[in-house]
Amino acid sequence: MGRIIFYEERNFQGRSYECSSDCSDVHMHLNRCNSCRVENGCFVVYDRSNFMGNQVFLRRGEYSDFQYMGSMTGMAMMDTIRSCRIIPMHRGQFRMRIYERENFGGQMHELMDDCESLQERFYMSECQSCNVMDGHWLMFEQPNFRGRMMYVRPGEYRNLRDMGMSNIMRISSIRRITDVC
């Protein structure tokens, strides 16, 4: 079971809120959130309510300052956390189909493992839709799992650009979320 503790201030100061499930609006419990501790499991945190906006993947550890962390890792800048989603443990196989165009159009490729560069591996310039059959995945806008990211779980995603991401232009690399959580 996952467990994350949010703090209003940087460096784990101020009021706190403990969570062990999805939370669509952290601000119902805190005025703001600038740091957190992940005690168990993995989470994706969002800078907007209802699992929208920029996303950051967090595994067990301490995150004392979200603004600093984003600028150092090349991830999305976050001035606060507004919602979070727990990533369930998955130990089975991983499988997803990626499509060049929205609504499952254009080239299609099936993935069962990580892909550092869609361009180099499949000569695919864009990934605009996908069907996740098994596992949980992170899709990144830059090769080698860098830049802004998007979490996808089993289901159909007909248009990745309409998923509430802020300014994500293209998907360039994809990574499985394995049992590291």
N, C-alpha and C. Protein backbone atom coordinates (compact mmCIF):
# COMPACT_ATOMS: atom_id res chain seq x y z
N MET A 1 0.84 -1.18 0.00
CA MET A 1 0.00 0.00 0.00
C MET A 1 0.88 1.24 0.00
N GLY A 2 0.56 2.22 -0.81
CA GLY A 2 1.33 3.45 -0.89
C GLY A 2 0.95 4.44 0.20
N ARG A 3 1.90 5.30 0.51
CA ARG A 3 1.65 6.34 1.51
C ARG A 3 2.53 7.54 1.21
N ILE A 4 1.88 8.71 1.11
CA ILE A 4 2.59 9.95 0.83
C ILE A 4 2.12 11.00 1.84
N ILE A 5 3.03 11.83 2.29
CA ILE A 5 2.70 12.91 3.23
C ILE A 5 3.07 14.23 2.56
N PHE A 6 2.08 15.10 2.41
CA PHE A 6 2.27 16.42 1.82
C PHE A 6 2.46 17.45 2.92
N TYR A 7 3.31 18.46 2.65
CA TYR A 7 3.56 19.54 3.60
C TYR A 7 3.33 20.88 2.90
N GLU A 8 2.77 21.82 3.65
CA GLU A 8 2.50 23.14 3.07
C GLU A 8 3.76 23.88 2.66
N GLU A 9 4.80 23.75 3.43
CA GLU A 9 6.02 24.52 3.18
C GLU A 9 7.14 23.62 2.66
N ARG A 10 8.17 24.24 2.14
CA ARG A 10 9.36 23.51 1.73
C ARG A 10 10.01 22.88 2.96
N ASN A 11 10.84 21.87 2.73
CA ASN A 11 11.61 21.21 3.80
C ASN A 11 10.71 20.60 4.87
N PHE A 12 9.54 20.09 4.47
CA PHE A 12 8.65 19.33 5.34
C PHE A 12 8.17 20.14 6.55
N GLN A 13 7.91 21.41 6.31
CA GLN A 13 7.44 22.31 7.36
C GLN A 13 5.96 22.62 7.15
N GLY A 14 5.36 23.16 8.18
CA GLY A 14 3.95 23.57 8.11
C GLY A 14 3.01 22.39 8.30
N ARG A 15 1.75 22.67 8.05
CA ARG A 15 0.73 21.62 8.20
C ARG A 15 1.00 20.50 7.21
N SER A 16 0.51 19.29 7.55
CA SER A 16 0.72 18.14 6.68
C SER A 16 -0.59 17.41 6.43
N TYR A 17 -0.58 16.62 5.38
CA TYR A 17 -1.73 15.79 5.02
C TYR A 17 -1.20 14.45 4.51
N GLU A 18 -1.67 13.37 5.11
CA GLU A 18 -1.23 12.02 4.73
C GLU A 18 -2.26 11.39 3.80
N CYS A 19 -1.77 10.71 2.77
CA CYS A 19 -2.66 10.16 1.76
C CYS A 19 -2.18 8.76 1.35
N SER A 20 -3.11 7.83 1.17
CA SER A 20 -2.74 6.49 0.71
C SER A 20 -3.64 6.04 -0.44
N SER A 21 -4.24 7.00 -1.14
CA SER A 21 -5.07 6.71 -2.30
C SER A 21 -5.05 7.93 -3.22
N ASP A 22 -5.79 7.86 -4.32
CA ASP A 22 -5.89 9.01 -5.21
C ASP A 22 -6.52 10.17 -4.46
N CYS A 23 -6.07 11.38 -4.77
CA CYS A 23 -6.64 12.59 -4.18
C CYS A 23 -6.79 13.62 -5.29
N SER A 24 -8.03 13.95 -5.65
CA SER A 24 -8.28 14.86 -6.77
C SER A 24 -8.07 16.33 -6.41
N ASP A 25 -8.00 16.65 -5.11
CA ASP A 25 -7.79 18.04 -4.72
C ASP A 25 -7.10 18.10 -3.36
N VAL A 26 -5.78 18.17 -3.37
CA VAL A 26 -4.99 18.26 -2.13
C VAL A 26 -5.34 19.53 -1.37
N HIS A 27 -5.77 20.57 -2.10
CA HIS A 27 -6.07 21.86 -1.46
C HIS A 27 -7.33 21.83 -0.60
N MET A 28 -8.05 20.74 -0.61
CA MET A 28 -9.15 20.59 0.35
C MET A 28 -8.58 20.39 1.75
N HIS A 29 -7.32 19.95 1.83
CA HIS A 29 -6.70 19.62 3.11
C HIS A 29 -5.59 20.59 3.51
N LEU A 30 -4.95 21.22 2.52
CA LEU A 30 -3.84 22.15 2.76
C LEU A 30 -4.01 23.38 1.88
N ASN A 31 -3.49 24.52 2.35
CA ASN A 31 -3.55 25.74 1.55
C ASN A 31 -2.66 25.65 0.31
N ARG A 32 -1.54 24.97 0.44
CA ARG A 32 -0.59 24.78 -0.65
C ARG A 32 0.24 23.56 -0.31
N CYS A 33 1.03 23.10 -1.26
CA CYS A 33 1.91 21.95 -1.01
C CYS A 33 3.22 22.19 -1.73
N ASN A 34 4.31 22.27 -0.98
CA ASN A 34 5.61 22.56 -1.55
C ASN A 34 6.66 21.48 -1.29
N SER A 35 6.33 20.47 -0.49
CA SER A 35 7.25 19.35 -0.27
C SER A 35 6.44 18.12 0.13
N CYS A 36 7.08 16.95 0.03
CA CYS A 36 6.39 15.72 0.43
C CYS A 36 7.39 14.61 0.69
N ARG A 37 6.92 13.60 1.38
CA ARG A 37 7.66 12.37 1.62
C ARG A 37 6.83 11.22 1.11
N VAL A 38 7.43 10.37 0.29
CA VAL A 38 6.76 9.15 -0.15
C VAL A 38 7.33 8.04 0.72
N GLU A 39 6.51 7.50 1.60
CA GLU A 39 6.98 6.48 2.53
C GLU A 39 6.88 5.08 1.95
N ASN A 40 5.88 4.84 1.11
CA ASN A 40 5.70 3.55 0.44
C ASN A 40 5.06 3.79 -0.91
N GLY A 41 5.40 2.96 -1.88
CA GLY A 41 4.74 3.00 -3.18
C GLY A 41 5.26 4.08 -4.09
N CYS A 42 4.52 4.28 -5.19
CA CYS A 42 4.83 5.30 -6.19
C CYS A 42 3.57 6.12 -6.46
N PHE A 43 3.78 7.38 -6.78
CA PHE A 43 2.70 8.31 -7.04
C PHE A 43 3.04 9.17 -8.24
N VAL A 44 2.02 9.69 -8.89
CA VAL A 44 2.16 10.77 -9.85
C VAL A 44 1.45 11.96 -9.23
N VAL A 45 2.14 13.09 -9.17
CA VAL A 45 1.53 14.31 -8.64
C VAL A 45 1.32 15.28 -9.80
N TYR A 46 0.28 16.10 -9.66
CA TYR A 46 -0.15 17.01 -10.72
C TYR A 46 -0.18 18.43 -10.17
N ASP A 47 0.06 19.41 -11.04
CA ASP A 47 0.02 20.80 -10.58
C ASP A 47 -1.37 21.43 -10.72
N ARG A 48 -2.38 20.64 -11.14
CA ARG A 48 -3.75 21.11 -11.19
C ARG A 48 -4.66 20.06 -10.56
N SER A 49 -5.81 20.48 -10.12
CA SER A 49 -6.79 19.56 -9.53
C SER A 49 -7.29 18.57 -10.57
N ASN A 50 -7.89 17.50 -10.09
CA ASN A 50 -8.51 16.48 -10.93
C ASN A 50 -7.54 15.83 -11.91
N PHE A 51 -6.29 15.64 -11.46
CA PHE A 51 -5.28 14.89 -12.21
C PHE A 51 -4.99 15.52 -13.56
N MET A 52 -4.87 16.82 -13.57
CA MET A 52 -4.61 17.58 -14.80
C MET A 52 -3.31 18.36 -14.65
N GLY A 53 -2.78 18.82 -15.77
CA GLY A 53 -1.61 19.67 -15.78
C GLY A 53 -0.31 18.89 -15.81
N ASN A 54 0.77 19.59 -15.48
CA ASN A 54 2.09 18.96 -15.45
C ASN A 54 2.12 17.86 -14.41
N GLN A 55 2.90 16.81 -14.71
CA GLN A 55 2.97 15.64 -13.85
C GLN A 55 4.42 15.35 -13.47
N VAL A 56 4.59 14.81 -12.28
CA VAL A 56 5.91 14.35 -11.82
C VAL A 56 5.72 12.99 -11.16
N PHE A 57 6.57 12.05 -11.52
CA PHE A 57 6.55 10.70 -10.95
C PHE A 57 7.41 10.69 -9.70
N LEU A 58 6.87 10.16 -8.59
CA LEU A 58 7.60 10.10 -7.33
C LEU A 58 7.61 8.67 -6.81
N ARG A 59 8.78 8.20 -6.42
CA ARG A 59 8.90 6.92 -5.73
C ARG A 59 9.36 7.20 -4.32
N ARG A 60 9.54 6.17 -3.54
CA ARG A 60 9.93 6.33 -2.13
C ARG A 60 11.11 7.29 -2.00
N GLY A 61 10.93 8.27 -1.12
CA GLY A 61 11.98 9.26 -0.91
C GLY A 61 11.43 10.56 -0.37
N GLU A 62 12.32 11.52 -0.22
CA GLU A 62 11.97 12.84 0.30
C GLU A 62 12.14 13.88 -0.80
N TYR A 63 11.15 14.75 -0.92
CA TYR A 63 11.14 15.79 -1.94
C TYR A 63 10.91 17.12 -1.21
N SER A 64 12.01 17.79 -0.89
CA SER A 64 11.96 18.94 0.01
C SER A 64 11.55 20.25 -0.66
N ASP A 65 11.63 20.33 -2.00
CA ASP A 65 11.32 21.58 -2.67
C ASP A 65 10.97 21.28 -4.13
N PHE A 66 9.69 21.35 -4.47
CA PHE A 66 9.27 20.99 -5.82
C PHE A 66 9.79 21.94 -6.88
N GLN A 67 9.87 23.22 -6.61
CA GLN A 67 10.37 24.16 -7.62
C GLN A 67 11.82 23.83 -7.96
N TYR A 68 12.65 23.57 -6.97
CA TYR A 68 14.05 23.27 -7.20
C TYR A 68 14.20 21.92 -7.91
N MET A 69 13.44 20.94 -7.49
CA MET A 69 13.54 19.60 -8.07
C MET A 69 13.22 19.65 -9.56
N GLY A 70 12.19 20.37 -9.95
CA GLY A 70 11.83 20.46 -11.36
C GLY A 70 12.92 21.09 -12.21
N SER A 71 13.53 22.16 -11.71
CA SER A 71 14.56 22.83 -12.50
C SER A 71 15.83 21.99 -12.60
N MET A 72 16.12 21.16 -11.60
CA MET A 72 17.34 20.34 -11.63
C MET A 72 17.19 19.09 -12.50
N THR A 73 16.00 18.56 -12.64
CA THR A 73 15.82 17.31 -13.36
C THR A 73 15.29 17.50 -14.77
N GLY A 74 14.95 18.71 -15.15
CA GLY A 74 14.39 18.94 -16.47
C GLY A 74 12.93 18.55 -16.57
N MET A 75 12.32 18.26 -15.43
CA MET A 75 10.90 17.90 -15.43
C MET A 75 10.07 19.17 -15.40
N ALA A 76 8.79 18.99 -15.41
CA ALA A 76 7.88 20.12 -15.36
C ALA A 76 8.10 20.92 -14.09
N MET A 77 8.05 22.23 -14.24
CA MET A 77 8.14 23.09 -13.06
C MET A 77 6.80 23.04 -12.34
N MET A 78 6.87 22.93 -11.02
CA MET A 78 5.65 22.91 -10.23
C MET A 78 5.83 23.89 -9.09
N ASP A 79 4.87 24.78 -8.92
CA ASP A 79 4.96 25.65 -7.76
C ASP A 79 4.16 25.09 -6.61
N THR A 80 3.32 24.10 -6.89
CA THR A 80 2.57 23.44 -5.84
C THR A 80 1.99 22.14 -6.40
N ILE A 81 1.53 21.28 -5.53
CA ILE A 81 0.85 20.05 -5.93
C ILE A 81 -0.62 20.24 -5.64
N ARG A 82 -1.47 19.89 -6.59
CA ARG A 82 -2.91 20.04 -6.40
C ARG A 82 -3.66 18.71 -6.40
N SER A 83 -3.07 17.66 -6.98
CA SER A 83 -3.71 16.34 -6.94
C SER A 83 -2.65 15.26 -7.08
N CYS A 84 -3.02 14.03 -6.70
CA CYS A 84 -2.07 12.92 -6.81
C CYS A 84 -2.81 11.63 -7.11
N ARG A 85 -2.10 10.74 -7.77
CA ARG A 85 -2.65 9.44 -8.12
C ARG A 85 -1.65 8.37 -7.69
N ILE A 86 -2.13 7.38 -6.94
CA ILE A 86 -1.27 6.27 -6.55
C ILE A 86 -1.15 5.32 -7.73
N ILE A 87 0.03 4.77 -7.93
CA ILE A 87 0.25 3.82 -9.01
C ILE A 87 0.23 2.43 -8.41
N PRO A 88 -0.74 1.62 -8.80
CA PRO A 88 -0.84 0.28 -8.22
C PRO A 88 0.34 -0.60 -8.63
N MET A 89 0.68 -1.53 -7.77
CA MET A 89 1.75 -2.49 -8.04
C MET A 89 1.33 -3.37 -9.21
N HIS A 90 2.21 -3.58 -10.16
CA HIS A 90 1.93 -4.44 -11.31
C HIS A 90 3.12 -5.37 -11.52
N ARG A 91 2.90 -6.65 -11.45
CA ARG A 91 3.98 -7.62 -11.60
C ARG A 91 3.83 -8.49 -12.84
N GLY A 92 2.78 -8.28 -13.62
CA GLY A 92 2.56 -9.08 -14.83
C GLY A 92 3.34 -8.54 -16.00
N GLN A 93 2.89 -8.90 -17.19
CA GLN A 93 3.56 -8.42 -18.39
C GLN A 93 3.15 -6.99 -18.68
N PHE A 94 3.90 -6.35 -19.55
CA PHE A 94 3.64 -4.98 -19.99
C PHE A 94 3.38 -5.02 -21.49
N ARG A 95 2.31 -4.32 -21.90
CA ARG A 95 2.00 -4.30 -23.32
C ARG A 95 1.17 -3.08 -23.65
N MET A 96 1.60 -2.36 -24.66
CA MET A 96 0.82 -1.22 -25.16
C MET A 96 1.05 -1.07 -26.65
N ARG A 97 0.04 -0.53 -27.32
CA ARG A 97 0.15 -0.19 -28.73
C ARG A 97 0.18 1.32 -28.84
N ILE A 98 1.14 1.80 -29.61
CA ILE A 98 1.25 3.24 -29.83
C ILE A 98 0.93 3.53 -31.29
N TYR A 99 0.31 4.68 -31.52
CA TYR A 99 -0.13 5.05 -32.86
C TYR A 99 0.40 6.44 -33.20
N GLU A 100 0.75 6.59 -34.45
CA GLU A 100 1.32 7.84 -34.95
C GLU A 100 0.31 8.99 -34.91
N ARG A 101 -0.95 8.69 -35.14
CA ARG A 101 -1.99 9.73 -35.21
C ARG A 101 -3.06 9.51 -34.15
N GLU A 102 -3.86 10.53 -33.91
CA GLU A 102 -4.97 10.39 -32.96
C GLU A 102 -5.98 9.38 -33.51
N ASN A 103 -6.84 8.90 -32.62
CA ASN A 103 -7.86 7.90 -32.95
C ASN A 103 -7.28 6.63 -33.56
N PHE A 104 -6.09 6.25 -33.09
CA PHE A 104 -5.44 5.00 -33.48
C PHE A 104 -5.15 4.93 -34.97
N GLY A 105 -4.75 6.05 -35.54
CA GLY A 105 -4.42 6.11 -36.96
C GLY A 105 -2.93 6.12 -37.21
N GLY A 106 -2.55 5.93 -38.46
CA GLY A 106 -1.15 5.96 -38.86
C GLY A 106 -0.42 4.70 -38.44
N GLN A 107 0.91 4.81 -38.39
CA GLN A 107 1.73 3.67 -37.97
C GLN A 107 1.31 3.17 -36.60
N MET A 108 1.40 1.85 -36.40
CA MET A 108 1.13 1.26 -35.09
C MET A 108 2.31 0.37 -34.74
N HIS A 109 2.74 0.44 -33.48
CA HIS A 109 3.80 -0.43 -32.98
C HIS A 109 3.38 -0.92 -31.60
N GLU A 110 3.78 -2.13 -31.28
CA GLU A 110 3.48 -2.70 -29.98
C GLU A 110 4.74 -2.69 -29.13
N LEU A 111 4.60 -2.22 -27.90
CA LEU A 111 5.71 -2.18 -26.95
C LEU A 111 5.46 -3.15 -25.82
N MET A 112 6.53 -3.82 -25.39
CA MET A 112 6.47 -4.67 -24.21
C MET A 112 7.61 -4.32 -23.25
N ASP A 113 8.44 -3.37 -23.67
CA ASP A 113 9.55 -2.93 -22.84
C ASP A 113 9.78 -1.43 -23.06
N ASP A 114 10.77 -0.88 -22.37
CA ASP A 114 11.06 0.55 -22.48
C ASP A 114 11.53 0.90 -23.89
N CYS A 115 11.31 2.13 -24.28
CA CYS A 115 11.76 2.63 -25.58
C CYS A 115 12.39 4.00 -25.36
N GLU A 116 13.72 4.09 -25.50
CA GLU A 116 14.43 5.35 -25.24
C GLU A 116 14.18 6.41 -26.30
N SER A 117 13.87 5.97 -27.54
CA SER A 117 13.60 6.93 -28.60
C SER A 117 12.69 6.30 -29.64
N LEU A 118 11.47 6.82 -29.76
CA LEU A 118 10.54 6.32 -30.77
C LEU A 118 11.08 6.58 -32.17
N GLN A 119 11.73 7.73 -32.35
CA GLN A 119 12.28 8.09 -33.65
C GLN A 119 13.34 7.07 -34.09
N GLU A 120 14.28 6.74 -33.20
CA GLU A 120 15.36 5.82 -33.56
C GLU A 120 14.87 4.37 -33.69
N ARG A 121 13.98 3.95 -32.83
CA ARG A 121 13.56 2.55 -32.84
C ARG A 121 12.52 2.24 -33.92
N PHE A 122 11.56 3.16 -34.11
CA PHE A 122 10.47 2.89 -35.04
C PHE A 122 10.40 3.87 -36.21
N TYR A 123 11.32 4.84 -36.26
CA TYR A 123 11.26 5.90 -37.28
C TYR A 123 9.89 6.58 -37.24
N MET A 124 9.42 6.78 -36.04
CA MET A 124 8.10 7.34 -35.81
C MET A 124 8.27 8.76 -35.28
N SER A 125 7.75 9.74 -35.99
CA SER A 125 7.97 11.13 -35.59
C SER A 125 7.03 11.58 -34.48
N GLU A 126 5.87 10.96 -34.37
CA GLU A 126 4.91 11.37 -33.35
C GLU A 126 4.18 10.16 -32.80
N CYS A 127 3.68 10.30 -31.58
CA CYS A 127 2.78 9.33 -30.97
C CYS A 127 1.61 10.14 -30.42
N GLN A 128 0.45 10.01 -31.05
CA GLN A 128 -0.68 10.84 -30.65
C GLN A 128 -1.81 10.07 -29.99
N SER A 129 -1.74 8.73 -30.03
CA SER A 129 -2.75 7.92 -29.34
C SER A 129 -2.12 6.59 -28.95
N CYS A 130 -2.75 5.90 -27.99
CA CYS A 130 -2.23 4.60 -27.57
C CYS A 130 -3.33 3.79 -26.91
N ASN A 131 -3.06 2.50 -26.84
CA ASN A 131 -3.95 1.56 -26.15
C ASN A 131 -3.07 0.77 -25.19
N VAL A 132 -3.24 1.00 -23.90
CA VAL A 132 -2.46 0.30 -22.89
C VAL A 132 -3.23 -0.95 -22.50
N MET A 133 -2.68 -2.10 -22.85
CA MET A 133 -3.34 -3.36 -22.54
C MET A 133 -2.93 -3.88 -21.16
N ASP A 134 -1.63 -3.79 -20.84
CA ASP A 134 -1.12 -4.30 -19.57
C ASP A 134 -0.06 -3.37 -19.01
N GLY A 135 -0.12 -3.16 -17.71
CA GLY A 135 0.92 -2.40 -17.02
C GLY A 135 0.63 -0.91 -16.95
N HIS A 136 1.54 -0.22 -16.31
CA HIS A 136 1.48 1.22 -16.12
C HIS A 136 2.74 1.81 -16.73
N TRP A 137 2.60 2.93 -17.44
CA TRP A 137 3.68 3.47 -18.26
C TRP A 137 3.82 4.97 -18.04
N LEU A 138 5.03 5.48 -18.30
CA LEU A 138 5.31 6.91 -18.34
C LEU A 138 5.74 7.25 -19.75
N MET A 139 5.14 8.28 -20.32
CA MET A 139 5.48 8.74 -21.67
C MET A 139 6.16 10.10 -21.53
N PHE A 140 7.33 10.26 -22.15
CA PHE A 140 8.13 11.47 -22.02
C PHE A 140 8.20 12.23 -23.33
N GLU A 141 8.33 13.55 -23.23
CA GLU A 141 8.36 14.37 -24.44
C GLU A 141 9.75 14.40 -25.08
N GLN A 142 10.79 13.98 -24.38
CA GLN A 142 12.14 13.96 -24.95
C GLN A 142 12.71 12.55 -24.90
N PRO A 143 13.65 12.25 -25.80
CA PRO A 143 14.30 10.93 -25.76
C PRO A 143 15.00 10.69 -24.43
N ASN A 144 15.28 9.43 -24.15
CA ASN A 144 15.99 9.02 -22.93
C ASN A 144 15.24 9.37 -21.65
N PHE A 145 13.92 9.36 -21.71
CA PHE A 145 13.05 9.53 -20.54
C PHE A 145 13.28 10.87 -19.85
N ARG A 146 13.33 11.94 -20.63
CA ARG A 146 13.56 13.28 -20.09
C ARG A 146 12.40 14.20 -20.47
N GLY A 147 12.35 15.33 -19.79
CA GLY A 147 11.33 16.34 -20.08
C GLY A 147 10.02 16.04 -19.38
N ARG A 148 9.01 16.77 -19.79
CA ARG A 148 7.69 16.57 -19.20
C ARG A 148 7.21 15.16 -19.50
N MET A 149 6.38 14.63 -18.60
CA MET A 149 5.91 13.25 -18.75
C MET A 149 4.42 13.16 -18.53
N MET A 150 3.89 12.01 -18.96
CA MET A 150 2.48 11.72 -18.81
C MET A 150 2.34 10.26 -18.36
N TYR A 151 1.53 10.03 -17.35
CA TYR A 151 1.25 8.69 -16.83
C TYR A 151 0.05 8.11 -17.56
N VAL A 152 0.18 6.87 -18.03
CA VAL A 152 -0.96 6.17 -18.63
C VAL A 152 -1.09 4.80 -17.99
N ARG A 153 -2.33 4.42 -17.73
CA ARG A 153 -2.64 3.12 -17.14
C ARG A 153 -3.51 2.36 -18.14
N PRO A 154 -3.87 1.10 -17.88
CA PRO A 154 -4.65 0.36 -18.87
C PRO A 154 -5.90 1.12 -19.32
N GLY A 155 -6.05 1.19 -20.64
CA GLY A 155 -7.17 1.88 -21.25
C GLY A 155 -6.81 2.41 -22.62
N GLU A 156 -7.79 3.01 -23.27
CA GLU A 156 -7.60 3.59 -24.59
C GLU A 156 -7.45 5.10 -24.46
N TYR A 157 -6.46 5.64 -25.17
CA TYR A 157 -6.18 7.07 -25.17
C TYR A 157 -6.22 7.53 -26.63
N ARG A 158 -7.36 8.04 -27.05
CA ARG A 158 -7.58 8.40 -28.46
C ARG A 158 -6.84 9.66 -28.88
N ASN A 159 -6.55 10.55 -27.92
CA ASN A 159 -5.84 11.79 -28.25
C ASN A 159 -5.02 12.21 -27.03
N LEU A 160 -3.73 11.94 -27.07
CA LEU A 160 -2.87 12.24 -25.92
C LEU A 160 -2.78 13.74 -25.65
N ARG A 161 -2.97 14.56 -26.65
CA ARG A 161 -2.89 16.01 -26.47
C ARG A 161 -4.09 16.57 -25.72
N ASP A 162 -5.15 15.82 -25.62
CA ASP A 162 -6.36 16.29 -24.91
C ASP A 162 -6.44 15.76 -23.49
N MET A 163 -5.32 15.36 -22.92
CA MET A 163 -5.34 14.76 -21.58
C MET A 163 -5.03 15.74 -20.47
N GLY A 164 -5.13 17.04 -20.74
CA GLY A 164 -4.92 18.02 -19.69
C GLY A 164 -3.46 18.35 -19.42
N MET A 165 -2.59 17.97 -20.34
CA MET A 165 -1.16 18.29 -20.17
C MET A 165 -0.93 19.74 -20.57
N SER A 166 -0.02 20.39 -19.87
CA SER A 166 0.33 21.76 -20.20
C SER A 166 1.52 21.76 -21.15
N ASN A 167 1.29 22.15 -22.36
CA ASN A 167 2.35 22.39 -23.34
C ASN A 167 3.16 21.17 -23.77
N ILE A 168 2.69 19.96 -23.57
CA ILE A 168 3.46 18.81 -24.06
C ILE A 168 3.25 18.73 -25.57
N MET A 169 4.32 18.67 -26.31
CA MET A 169 4.23 18.75 -27.76
C MET A 169 4.25 17.37 -28.43
N ARG A 170 5.10 16.48 -27.97
CA ARG A 170 5.21 15.18 -28.61
C ARG A 170 5.71 14.15 -27.60
N ILE A 171 5.45 12.89 -27.88
CA ILE A 171 5.96 11.80 -27.06
C ILE A 171 7.18 11.24 -27.78
N SER A 172 8.32 11.20 -27.10
CA SER A 172 9.56 10.73 -27.72
C SER A 172 10.13 9.47 -27.08
N SER A 173 9.76 9.17 -25.83
CA SER A 173 10.25 7.96 -25.17
C SER A 173 9.20 7.46 -24.19
N ILE A 174 9.25 6.15 -23.92
CA ILE A 174 8.23 5.51 -23.09
C ILE A 174 8.91 4.53 -22.15
N ARG A 175 8.52 4.55 -20.88
CA ARG A 175 9.12 3.67 -19.87
C ARG A 175 8.04 2.97 -19.07
N ARG A 176 8.26 1.68 -18.80
CA ARG A 176 7.36 0.90 -17.94
C ARG A 176 7.59 1.31 -16.49
N ILE A 177 6.53 1.26 -15.70
CA ILE A 177 6.67 1.45 -14.26
C ILE A 177 6.72 0.04 -13.69
N THR A 178 7.90 -0.41 -13.36
CA THR A 178 8.09 -1.78 -12.87
C THR A 178 7.92 -1.84 -11.38
N ASP A 179 8.20 -2.96 -10.77
CA ASP A 179 7.95 -3.16 -9.34
C ASP A 179 8.94 -2.46 -8.42
N VAL A 180 9.49 -1.32 -8.87
CA VAL A 180 10.40 -0.54 -8.04
C VAL A 180 9.65 0.25 -6.98
N CYS A 181 8.35 0.30 -7.07
CA CYS A 181 7.57 1.13 -6.15
C CYS A 181 7.38 0.48 -4.81
